[in-house]
Amino acid sequence: MVIRNLQQLIEGSFYKGKAILVFGARQVGKSTLIDQLLEKKTICILTGMMQT
């Protein structure tokens, strides 16, 4: 597993009563990062698409 720079920062923000938003350019590993962070956690993920 690749440990990304933001991984520890994000993990430190878990369970503080706030939403964690991850956004960025296409194909930079956002989904992979989230999958790795949440492998063993019970979560609710909401996704949406912006309509133009």
C-alpha atoms as a PDB file:
ATOM      1  CA  MET A   1       0.000   0.000   0.000  1.00  0.00           C
ATOM      2  CA  VAL A   2       1.245   3.472  -0.863  1.00  0.00           C
ATOM      3  CA  ILE A   3       1.020   5.911   2.066  1.00  0.00           C
ATOM      4  CA  ARG A   4       0.012   9.282   0.684  1.00  0.00           C
ATOM      5  CA  ASN A   5       0.907  12.623   2.275  1.00  0.00           C
ATOM      6  CA  LEU A   6      -2.697  13.410   3.153  1.00  0.00           C
ATOM      7  CA  GLN A   7      -3.591   9.977   4.492  1.00  0.00           C
ATOM      8  CA  GLN A   8      -2.560  10.661   8.102  1.00  0.00           C
ATOM      9  CA  LEU A   9      -4.215  14.089   8.045  1.00  0.00           C
ATOM     10  CA  ILE A  10      -7.476  12.581   6.840  1.00  0.00           C
ATOM     11  CA  GLU A  11      -7.303   9.704   9.341  1.00  0.00           C
ATOM     12  CA  GLY A  12      -6.811  12.243  12.142  1.00  0.00           C
ATOM     13  CA  SER A  13     -10.051  13.951  11.082  1.00  0.00           C
ATOM     14  CA  PHE A  14     -12.238  10.837  11.366  1.00  0.00           C
ATOM     15  CA  TYR A  15     -15.065  10.831  13.919  1.00  0.00           C
ATOM     16  CA  LYS A  16     -14.908  14.536  14.754  1.00  0.00           C
ATOM     17  CA  GLY A  17     -18.469  15.238  13.637  1.00  0.00           C
ATOM     18  CA  LYS A  18     -17.470  16.826  10.335  1.00  0.00           C
ATOM     19  CA  ALA A  19     -17.689  15.767   6.717  1.00  0.00           C
ATOM     20  CA  ILE A  20     -14.469  15.001   4.896  1.00  0.00           C
ATOM     21  CA  LEU A  21     -14.447  16.132   1.266  1.00  0.00           C
ATOM     22  CA  VAL A  22     -11.901  14.828  -1.213  1.00  0.00           C
ATOM     23  CA  PHE A  23     -11.708  16.548  -4.563  1.00  0.00           C
ATOM     24  CA  GLY A  24      -9.123  17.116  -7.247  1.00  0.00           C
ATOM     25  CA  ALA A  25      -8.150  16.478 -10.826  1.00  0.00           C
ATOM     26  CA  ARG A  26      -9.208  13.343 -12.653  1.00  0.00           C
ATOM     27  CA  GLN A  27      -7.246  10.116 -12.202  1.00  0.00           C
ATOM     28  CA  VAL A  28      -5.029  11.201  -9.311  1.00  0.00           C
ATOM     29  CA  GLY A  29      -6.093   8.447  -6.891  1.00  0.00           C
ATOM     30  CA  LYS A  30      -8.963   9.985  -4.916  1.00  0.00           C
ATOM     31  CA  SER A  31     -11.124   6.850  -4.966  1.00  0.00           C
ATOM     32  CA  THR A  32      -8.153   4.596  -4.240  1.00  0.00           C
ATOM     33  CA  LEU A  33      -7.165   6.757  -1.262  1.00  0.00           C
ATOM     34  CA  ILE A  34     -10.695   6.629   0.153  1.00  0.00           C
ATOM     35  CA  ASP A  35     -10.925   2.860  -0.417  1.00  0.00           C
ATOM     36  CA  GLN A  36      -7.645   2.329   1.458  1.00  0.00           C
ATOM     37  CA  LEU A  37      -8.641   4.593   4.334  1.00  0.00           C
ATOM     38  CA  LEU A  38     -12.030   2.981   4.802  1.00  0.00           C
ATOM     39  CA  GLU A  39     -11.214  -0.701   4.271  1.00  0.00           C
ATOM     40  CA  LYS A  40     -12.199  -1.754   7.787  1.00  0.00           C
ATOM     41  CA  LYS A  41     -14.656   0.968   8.760  1.00  0.00           C
ATOM     42  CA  THR A  42     -18.445   1.180   8.635  1.00  0.00           C
ATOM     43  CA  ILE A  43     -19.278   4.256   6.596  1.00  0.00           C
ATOM     44  CA  CYS A  44     -21.810   6.081   4.468  1.00  0.00           C
ATOM     45  CA  ILE A  45     -20.535   7.576   1.220  1.00  0.00           C
ATOM     46  CA  LEU A  46     -22.624  10.094  -0.666  1.00  0.00           C
ATOM     47  CA  THR A  47     -21.681  10.872  -4.246  1.00  0.00           C
ATOM     48  CA  GLY A  48     -23.215  13.243  -6.709  1.00  0.00           C
ATOM     49  CA  MET A  49     -22.627  14.803 -10.050  1.00  0.00           C
ATOM     50  CA  MET A  50     -22.881  18.481 -10.789  1.00  0.00           C
ATOM     51  CA  GLN A  51     -25.234  19.249 -13.638  1.00  0.00           C
ATOM     52  CA  THR A  52     -24.336  22.075 -15.995  1.00  0.00           C
END
